[in-house]
Amino acid sequence: MPKIAIDQERCKGCERCNDACPQEILGMSQQLNTKGYAYARVVDPARCIGCRLCAIACPDVAIEVYVEGTQYELFTY
């Protein structure tokens, strides 16, 4: 099962990861990080398919996706 790791301190709450996720498993925290932003969090990790679109969409490189087995790659054609 894929695992999403979000660096709460790097996240500025832009919600691009939420928009990019095809499974809609990300949400915003009610808590704030030290910079005063509501950071992204994983709401339903069991539905993650490991596509890494959330990590690709993150402008702050605050998201890493760890996948065992099949990995999805983004290719530009």
C-alpha atoms as a PDB file:
ATOM      1  CA  MET A   1       0.000   0.000   0.000  1.00  0.00           C
ATOM      2  CA  PRO A   2       1.410   3.449  -0.880  1.00  0.00           C
ATOM      3  CA  LYS A   3       2.280   5.840   1.926  1.00  0.00           C
ATOM      4  CA  ILE A   4       2.074   9.622   1.678  1.00  0.00           C
ATOM      5  CA  ALA A   5       4.426  11.690   3.844  1.00  0.00           C
ATOM      6  CA  ILE A   6       3.612  15.396   4.160  1.00  0.00           C
ATOM      7  CA  ASP A   7       6.131  17.790   5.681  1.00  0.00           C
ATOM      8  CA  GLN A   8       3.765  19.963   7.697  1.00  0.00           C
ATOM      9  CA  GLU A   9       6.296  22.766   8.092  1.00  0.00           C
ATOM     10  CA  ARG A  10       6.968  23.096   4.350  1.00  0.00           C
ATOM     11  CA  CYS A  11       3.281  23.085   3.391  1.00  0.00           C
ATOM     12  CA  LYS A  12       1.747  26.524   2.846  1.00  0.00           C
ATOM     13  CA  GLY A  13      -1.814  25.298   2.381  1.00  0.00           C
ATOM     14  CA  CYS A  14      -2.218  26.095  -1.337  1.00  0.00           C
ATOM     15  CA  GLU A  15      -4.459  22.995  -1.783  1.00  0.00           C
ATOM     16  CA  ARG A  16      -2.959  22.095  -5.175  1.00  0.00           C
ATOM     17  CA  CYS A  17      -2.424  18.556  -3.916  1.00  0.00           C
ATOM     18  CA  ASN A  18      -6.129  18.287  -3.056  1.00  0.00           C
ATOM     19  CA  ASP A  19      -7.070  19.354  -6.569  1.00  0.00           C
ATOM     20  CA  ALA A  20      -4.568  16.962  -8.175  1.00  0.00           C
ATOM     21  CA  CYS A  21      -5.578  13.820  -6.259  1.00  0.00           C
ATOM     22  CA  PRO A  22      -7.873  11.612  -8.378  1.00  0.00           C
ATOM     23  CA  GLN A  23      -8.948   9.648  -5.285  1.00  0.00           C
ATOM     24  CA  GLU A  24      -9.732  12.773  -3.211  1.00  0.00           C
ATOM     25  CA  ILE A  25      -7.909  11.427  -0.160  1.00  0.00           C
ATOM     26  CA  LEU A  26      -6.252  14.655   0.953  1.00  0.00           C
ATOM     27  CA  GLY A  27      -7.728  17.399   3.080  1.00  0.00           C
ATOM     28  CA  MET A  28      -6.636  20.414   5.040  1.00  0.00           C
ATOM     29  CA  SER A  29      -5.814  20.242   8.729  1.00  0.00           C
ATOM     30  CA  GLN A  30      -7.681  22.316  11.270  1.00  0.00           C
ATOM     31  CA  GLN A  31      -4.348  22.994  12.974  1.00  0.00           C
ATOM     32  CA  LEU A  32      -1.729  25.487  11.819  1.00  0.00           C
ATOM     33  CA  ASN A  33       1.982  24.946  11.298  1.00  0.00           C
ATOM     34  CA  THR A  34       4.596  27.334  12.755  1.00  0.00           C
ATOM     35  CA  LYS A  35       4.228  29.622   9.715  1.00  0.00           C
ATOM     36  CA  GLY A  36       0.492  29.979  10.335  1.00  0.00           C
ATOM     37  CA  TYR A  37      -0.772  27.840   7.451  1.00  0.00           C
ATOM     38  CA  ALA A  38      -3.351  25.066   7.589  1.00  0.00           C
ATOM     39  CA  TYR A  39      -1.343  22.188   6.111  1.00  0.00           C
ATOM     40  CA  ALA A  40      -2.446  19.270   3.948  1.00  0.00           C
ATOM     41  CA  ARG A  41      -3.134  15.920   5.564  1.00  0.00           C
ATOM     42  CA  VAL A  42      -4.127  12.445   4.441  1.00  0.00           C
ATOM     43  CA  VAL A  43      -7.803  11.789   5.167  1.00  0.00           C
ATOM     44  CA  ASP A  44      -8.253   8.290   3.701  1.00  0.00           C
ATOM     45  CA  PRO A  45      -4.859   6.565   3.163  1.00  0.00           C
ATOM     46  CA  ALA A  46      -6.396   3.200   2.199  1.00  0.00           C
ATOM     47  CA  ARG A  47      -7.669   4.656  -1.096  1.00  0.00           C
ATOM     48  CA  CYS A  48      -4.248   5.921  -2.247  1.00  0.00           C
ATOM     49  CA  ILE A  49      -3.181   4.402  -5.587  1.00  0.00           C
ATOM     50  CA  GLY A  50       0.374   5.777  -5.462  1.00  0.00           C
ATOM     51  CA  CYS A  51       0.059   7.940  -8.571  1.00  0.00           C
ATOM     52  CA  ARG A  52       2.178  10.712  -6.977  1.00  0.00           C
ATOM     53  CA  LEU A  53       0.129  13.484  -8.593  1.00  0.00           C
ATOM     54  CA  CYS A  54      -0.086  15.214  -5.211  1.00  0.00           C
ATOM     55  CA  ALA A  55       3.711  15.296  -4.927  1.00  0.00           C
ATOM     56  CA  ILE A  56       4.084  16.503  -8.521  1.00  0.00           C
ATOM     57  CA  ALA A  57       1.545  19.301  -7.970  1.00  0.00           C
ATOM     58  CA  CYS A  58       3.138  20.533  -4.727  1.00  0.00           C
ATOM     59  CA  PRO A  59       5.135  23.726  -5.408  1.00  0.00           C
ATOM     60  CA  ASP A  60       6.895  23.474  -2.036  1.00  0.00           C
ATOM     61  CA  VAL A  61       8.044  19.842  -2.412  1.00  0.00           C
ATOM     62  CA  ALA A  62       6.311  19.072   0.876  1.00  0.00           C
ATOM     63  CA  ILE A  63       4.905  15.685  -0.216  1.00  0.00           C
ATOM     64  CA  GLU A  64       6.650  12.373  -0.765  1.00  0.00           C
ATOM     65  CA  VAL A  65       4.894   9.190  -1.844  1.00  0.00           C
ATOM     66  CA  TYR A  66       6.417   5.828  -1.009  1.00  0.00           C
ATOM     67  CA  VAL A  67       5.253   2.912  -3.138  1.00  0.00           C
ATOM     68  CA  GLU A  68       6.147  -0.769  -2.933  1.00  0.00           C
ATOM     69  CA  GLY A  69       5.703  -2.930  -5.996  1.00  0.00           C
ATOM     70  CA  THR A  70       4.092  -1.203  -8.970  1.00  0.00           C
ATOM     71  CA  GLN A  71       5.086   2.420  -9.353  1.00  0.00           C
ATOM     72  CA  TYR A  72       3.362   4.868 -11.626  1.00  0.00           C
ATOM     73  CA  GLU A  73       5.662   7.069 -13.696  1.00  0.00           C
ATOM     74  CA  LEU A  74       4.787  10.343 -15.348  1.00  0.00           C
ATOM     75  CA  PHE A  75       6.111  10.487 -18.895  1.00  0.00           C
ATOM     76  CA  THR A  76       5.941  13.413 -21.274  1.00  0.00           C
ATOM     77  CA  TYR A  77       5.257  12.304 -24.814  1.00  0.00           C
END
